[in-house]
Amino acid sequence: MTTYATAAERYFAAWNADGAEAIAKAVSETFTEDATYTDPLADVSGHDGIAAAIAGAHAQFPGFEFRMKGAVDGNHHIARFSWDLVSRADGSSPAGGSDVITLAEDGRISSVSGFLDRVPGA
């Protein structure tokens, strides 16, 4: 598995972690302490900010999980991938997007720039 695929796998594990303790653990394993996460709905930094963004997504979409769509593409210290938000109950997918991540020397994510390609009600 490439460094890019490993980072993306940990990223989805963090976004799909269940409960505050599991989210905090996954975020600390996935992101640097000063990591930033920016998308059209959030602009946060640090482990606490990222964990809060993840918890907020869980509250807004209970019973859903983030799934990678396609493969990870990367070069140097950046990677990009697309994703869908999918219902565990019926497979519906109200949202999807693409993210660009920057990797630190230790392989953890130091920044995320997220783009929403499909949102509910749009």
Protein backbone atom coordinates (compact mmCIF):
# COMPACT_ATOMS: atom_id res chain seq x y z
CA MET A 1 0.00 0.00 0.00
CA THR A 2 1.31 3.45 -0.87
CA THR A 3 1.78 6.27 1.62
CA TYR A 4 -1.14 8.03 -0.06
CA ALA A 5 -3.47 5.02 0.25
CA THR A 6 -2.47 4.52 3.89
CA ALA A 7 -3.21 8.18 4.68
CA ALA A 8 -6.59 7.97 2.93
CA GLU A 9 -7.45 4.74 4.76
CA ARG A 10 -6.70 6.38 8.13
CA TYR A 11 -8.66 9.48 7.04
CA PHE A 12 -11.80 7.43 6.39
CA ALA A 13 -11.28 5.49 9.62
CA ALA A 14 -11.30 8.82 11.49
CA TRP A 15 -14.43 10.06 9.72
CA ASN A 16 -16.19 6.75 10.36
CA ALA A 17 -15.07 6.30 13.98
CA ASP A 18 -17.96 5.82 16.40
CA GLY A 19 -18.12 7.83 19.62
CA ALA A 20 -16.08 10.70 21.02
CA GLU A 21 -13.26 8.55 22.39
CA ALA A 22 -12.82 6.59 19.15
CA ILE A 23 -12.95 9.78 17.08
CA ALA A 24 -10.31 11.45 19.28
CA LYS A 25 -8.02 8.42 19.01
CA ALA A 26 -8.42 8.15 15.23
CA VAL A 27 -7.90 11.90 14.75
CA SER A 28 -4.66 11.86 16.75
CA GLU A 29 -3.37 8.91 14.70
CA THR A 30 -4.38 10.48 11.38
CA PHE A 31 -3.70 14.21 11.73
CA THR A 32 -0.78 16.28 13.00
CA GLU A 33 -1.46 18.31 16.14
CA ASP A 34 -1.73 21.55 14.15
CA ALA A 35 -3.58 20.11 11.14
CA THR A 36 -6.20 22.19 9.38
CA TYR A 37 -9.45 21.08 7.79
CA THR A 38 -11.30 23.42 5.43
CA ASP A 39 -14.38 22.77 3.33
CA PRO A 40 -17.43 24.90 2.43
CA LEU A 41 -19.04 24.09 5.81
CA ALA A 42 -16.06 24.06 8.19
CA ASP A 43 -12.73 25.76 8.79
CA VAL A 44 -11.10 24.17 11.84
CA SER A 45 -7.66 23.33 13.14
CA GLY A 46 -6.06 21.00 15.65
CA HIS A 47 -7.25 17.67 16.93
CA ASP A 48 -10.18 19.13 18.89
CA GLY A 49 -11.46 21.15 15.93
CA ILE A 50 -11.25 18.24 13.52
CA ALA A 51 -12.88 15.86 16.02
CA ALA A 52 -15.71 18.38 16.48
CA ALA A 53 -16.23 18.59 12.70
CA ILE A 54 -16.42 14.80 12.48
CA ALA A 55 -18.85 14.61 15.43
CA GLY A 56 -20.97 17.29 13.77
CA ALA A 57 -21.20 15.27 10.56
CA HIS A 58 -22.23 12.20 12.58
CA ALA A 59 -24.96 14.24 14.33
CA GLN A 60 -26.25 15.59 11.03
CA PHE A 61 -26.14 12.21 9.25
CA PRO A 62 -26.66 9.41 11.80
CA GLY A 63 -26.33 5.95 10.28
CA PHE A 64 -24.15 7.13 7.40
CA GLU A 65 -20.50 6.45 6.60
CA PHE A 66 -17.92 8.00 4.32
CA ARG A 67 -16.64 5.75 1.54
CA MET A 68 -13.81 6.39 -0.87
CA LYS A 69 -14.90 6.61 -4.48
CA GLY A 70 -12.21 5.50 -6.91
CA ALA A 71 -8.51 5.50 -6.15
CA VAL A 72 -6.15 7.86 -4.37
CA ASP A 73 -3.94 9.97 -6.62
CA GLY A 74 -0.80 11.54 -5.17
CA ASN A 75 2.53 13.14 -5.82
CA HIS A 76 5.24 14.44 -3.54
CA HIS A 77 3.47 15.30 -0.27
CA ILE A 78 -0.10 15.78 -1.56
CA ALA A 79 -2.91 13.42 -2.47
CA ARG A 80 -6.48 13.67 -3.67
CA PHE A 81 -9.47 11.38 -3.60
CA SER A 82 -13.23 11.46 -3.92
CA TRP A 83 -15.83 10.15 -1.49
CA ASP A 84 -19.52 9.48 -1.01
CA LEU A 85 -21.58 9.73 2.18
CA VAL A 86 -23.58 6.50 2.20
CA SER A 87 -26.48 5.27 4.35
CA ARG A 88 -25.71 1.98 6.09
CA ALA A 89 -29.43 1.18 6.01
CA ASP A 90 -30.35 1.62 2.37
CA GLY A 91 -27.21 2.62 0.44
CA SER A 92 -28.53 6.06 -0.48
CA SER A 93 -25.90 8.74 -0.90
CA PRO A 94 -27.06 12.32 -0.31
CA ALA A 95 -23.59 13.89 -0.48
CA GLY A 96 -20.24 13.44 -2.12
CA GLY A 97 -17.06 15.35 -2.61
CA SER A 98 -13.35 15.45 -3.21
CA ASP A 99 -10.53 16.18 -0.79
CA VAL A 100 -6.92 17.20 -1.24
CA ILE A 101 -4.62 16.32 1.65
CA THR A 102 -1.10 17.41 2.50
CA LEU A 103 1.10 14.89 4.30
CA ALA A 104 3.66 15.61 6.98
CA GLU A 105 7.01 13.80 7.12
CA ASP A 106 5.55 11.18 9.49
CA GLY A 107 2.74 10.33 7.03
CA ARG A 108 -0.01 12.00 9.03
CA ILE A 109 -2.21 14.61 7.41
CA SER A 110 -1.27 18.25 8.01
CA SER A 111 -4.07 19.84 5.96
CA VAL A 112 -7.28 19.00 4.16
CA SER A 113 -8.96 21.09 1.50
CA GLY A 114 -12.41 19.68 0.92
CA PHE A 115 -14.87 20.27 -1.89
CA LEU A 116 -18.54 19.30 -1.91
CA ASP A 117 -19.57 17.95 -5.30
CA ARG A 118 -23.09 16.92 -4.23
CA VAL A 119 -25.08 18.11 -1.20
CA PRO A 120 -28.57 17.30 0.12
CA GLY A 121 -31.31 19.45 -1.34
CA ALA A 122 -29.16 20.85 -4.13
